[in-house]
Amino acid sequence: MPHFDAQELRHYLHQVMATFRKTGTEVVMVVDRSGIHRAHKLDATLEHDHSTLRFHCLPAHCGHHLNPIEGFWRVMKGAIGAGRCFGDLGQLYKRTRQVLMAHQERPIYEFHW
C-alpha cells in the first residue's frame, strides 16, 4: 500500500490549484486534524495560495457525522476484524477484499452508522 505523506499532499494541492487558480474560485478543503494536514511542509504552499486555498479543520473527535470516513472505517473494522484473529496477513487481506468487493457499488455516503 503506498504511503501518502505531506509531500504527496503538497503535490496534490499544486495540481488542484493549477486547475482552480484560473477560475478565480476559492478552494476550501475540509480536513481532519491528522498530522499530514498540519505538516510544516505545507506552510509555503498554503501561504502562496492563501487568497484562494484554505483548509477548514474539523473539530477534534467530531466522529462520523462530520467526517464520513470515520464511520466507514468503523463499519470496515467491525466487518473485518473486530474481535477476530487471522493466522496471517494473507487471510486478513482476503477478508478485507471480500468486504470491500461486497460494498464496491455503494457510495460511502450511503452507509448508515
Protein backbone atom coordinates (compact mmCIF):
# COMPACT_ATOMS: atom_id res chain seq x y z
CA MET A 1 0.00 0.00 0.00
CA PRO A 2 1.54 3.35 -0.98
CA HIS A 3 2.21 5.84 1.78
CA PHE A 4 0.61 9.26 1.28
CA ASP A 5 2.58 11.86 3.19
CA ALA A 6 2.77 15.66 3.38
CA GLN A 7 4.97 15.84 0.29
CA GLU A 8 2.37 13.98 -1.80
CA LEU A 9 -0.39 16.18 -0.34
CA ARG A 10 1.64 19.25 -1.27
CA HIS A 11 1.97 17.95 -4.83
CA TYR A 12 -1.78 17.24 -4.95
CA LEU A 13 -2.56 20.78 -3.75
CA HIS A 14 -0.39 22.20 -6.53
CA GLN A 15 -2.37 20.14 -9.06
CA VAL A 16 -5.70 21.29 -7.64
CA MET A 17 -4.63 24.91 -7.63
CA ALA A 18 -3.28 24.69 -11.20
CA THR A 19 -6.85 23.88 -12.20
CA PHE A 20 -8.78 26.25 -9.94
CA ARG A 21 -6.42 29.23 -9.92
CA LYS A 22 -7.55 30.03 -13.49
CA THR A 23 -11.19 30.25 -12.40
CA GLY A 24 -10.66 32.65 -9.50
CA THR A 25 -12.76 30.31 -7.37
CA GLU A 26 -11.85 29.84 -3.73
CA VAL A 27 -10.97 26.25 -2.87
CA VAL A 28 -11.92 25.07 0.61
CA MET A 29 -10.75 21.63 1.67
CA VAL A 30 -12.37 20.08 4.72
CA VAL A 31 -9.69 18.16 6.59
CA ASP A 32 -9.37 16.36 9.87
CA ARG A 33 -6.62 17.09 12.36
CA SER A 34 -4.31 14.42 11.01
CA GLY A 35 -0.61 15.28 11.17
CA ILE A 36 -0.43 15.28 7.39
CA HIS A 37 -2.85 18.23 7.25
CA ARG A 38 -0.84 20.19 9.82
CA ALA A 39 2.64 19.44 8.46
CA HIS A 40 5.05 22.36 8.15
CA LYS A 41 5.88 21.16 4.62
CA LEU A 42 2.51 22.60 3.61
CA ASP A 43 3.14 26.08 5.04
CA ALA A 44 4.72 27.55 1.89
CA THR A 45 2.00 26.10 -0.35
CA LEU A 46 -0.83 27.33 1.85
CA GLU A 47 0.81 30.76 2.18
CA HIS A 48 1.38 31.02 -1.58
CA ASP A 49 -2.30 30.31 -2.31
CA HIS A 50 -3.73 31.88 0.87
CA SER A 51 -6.26 34.01 -1.02
CA THR A 52 -7.73 31.10 -2.98
CA LEU A 53 -6.98 27.95 -0.95
CA ARG A 54 -7.82 27.25 2.64
CA PHE A 55 -8.22 24.29 4.90
CA HIS A 56 -11.29 24.06 7.10
CA CYS A 57 -10.31 21.83 10.02
CA LEU A 58 -12.94 19.64 11.58
CA PRO A 59 -13.15 19.69 15.36
CA ALA A 60 -11.14 17.06 17.17
CA HIS A 61 -13.07 13.85 17.85
CA CYS A 62 -16.04 15.02 15.76
CA GLY A 63 -16.93 11.47 14.76
CA HIS A 64 -18.62 10.17 11.68
CA HIS A 65 -21.35 12.81 11.45
CA LEU A 66 -18.87 15.43 10.25
CA ASN A 67 -16.17 13.09 8.97
CA PRO A 68 -17.81 10.26 6.99
CA ILE A 69 -14.60 8.29 6.53
CA GLU A 70 -14.58 7.62 10.29
CA GLY A 71 -17.92 5.85 10.02
CA PHE A 72 -16.67 3.89 7.04
CA TRP A 73 -13.59 2.76 8.99
CA ARG A 74 -15.82 1.75 11.90
CA VAL A 75 -18.01 -0.35 9.58
CA MET A 76 -14.93 -1.90 7.97
CA LYS A 77 -13.31 -2.65 11.30
CA GLY A 78 -16.49 -4.33 12.54
CA ALA A 79 -16.93 -6.36 9.36
CA ILE A 80 -13.32 -7.37 9.00
CA GLY A 81 -11.51 -7.75 12.22
CA ALA A 82 -13.05 -6.64 15.48
CA GLY A 83 -12.52 -9.48 17.93
CA ARG A 84 -11.04 -11.77 15.28
CA CYS A 85 -7.58 -13.23 14.88
CA PHE A 86 -6.16 -14.07 11.48
CA GLY A 87 -3.47 -16.69 11.03
CA ASP A 88 -1.52 -14.49 8.66
CA LEU A 89 -1.72 -11.30 6.62
CA GLY A 90 -2.99 -13.26 3.61
CA GLN A 91 -6.16 -14.19 5.48
CA LEU A 92 -6.67 -10.61 6.62
CA TYR A 93 -6.15 -9.39 3.06
CA LYS A 94 -8.66 -11.94 1.72
CA ARG A 95 -11.31 -10.93 4.27
CA THR A 96 -10.71 -7.22 3.62
CA ARG A 97 -11.08 -7.76 -0.11
CA GLN A 98 -14.33 -9.71 0.39
CA VAL A 99 -15.86 -6.89 2.44
CA LEU A 100 -14.70 -4.17 0.03
CA MET A 101 -15.96 -6.06 -3.02
CA ALA A 102 -19.36 -6.52 -1.36
CA HIS A 103 -19.60 -2.74 -0.91
CA GLN A 104 -17.89 -1.52 -4.08
CA GLU A 105 -21.10 -0.30 -5.71
CA ARG A 106 -22.27 1.50 -2.60
CA PRO A 107 -21.05 5.08 -2.17
CA ILE A 108 -19.64 5.96 1.23
CA TYR A 109 -22.41 8.49 1.88
CA GLU A 110 -25.00 5.69 1.67
CA PHE A 111 -23.56 3.87 4.66
CA HIS A 112 -25.81 4.08 7.70
CA TRP A 113 -23.98 4.35 11.00
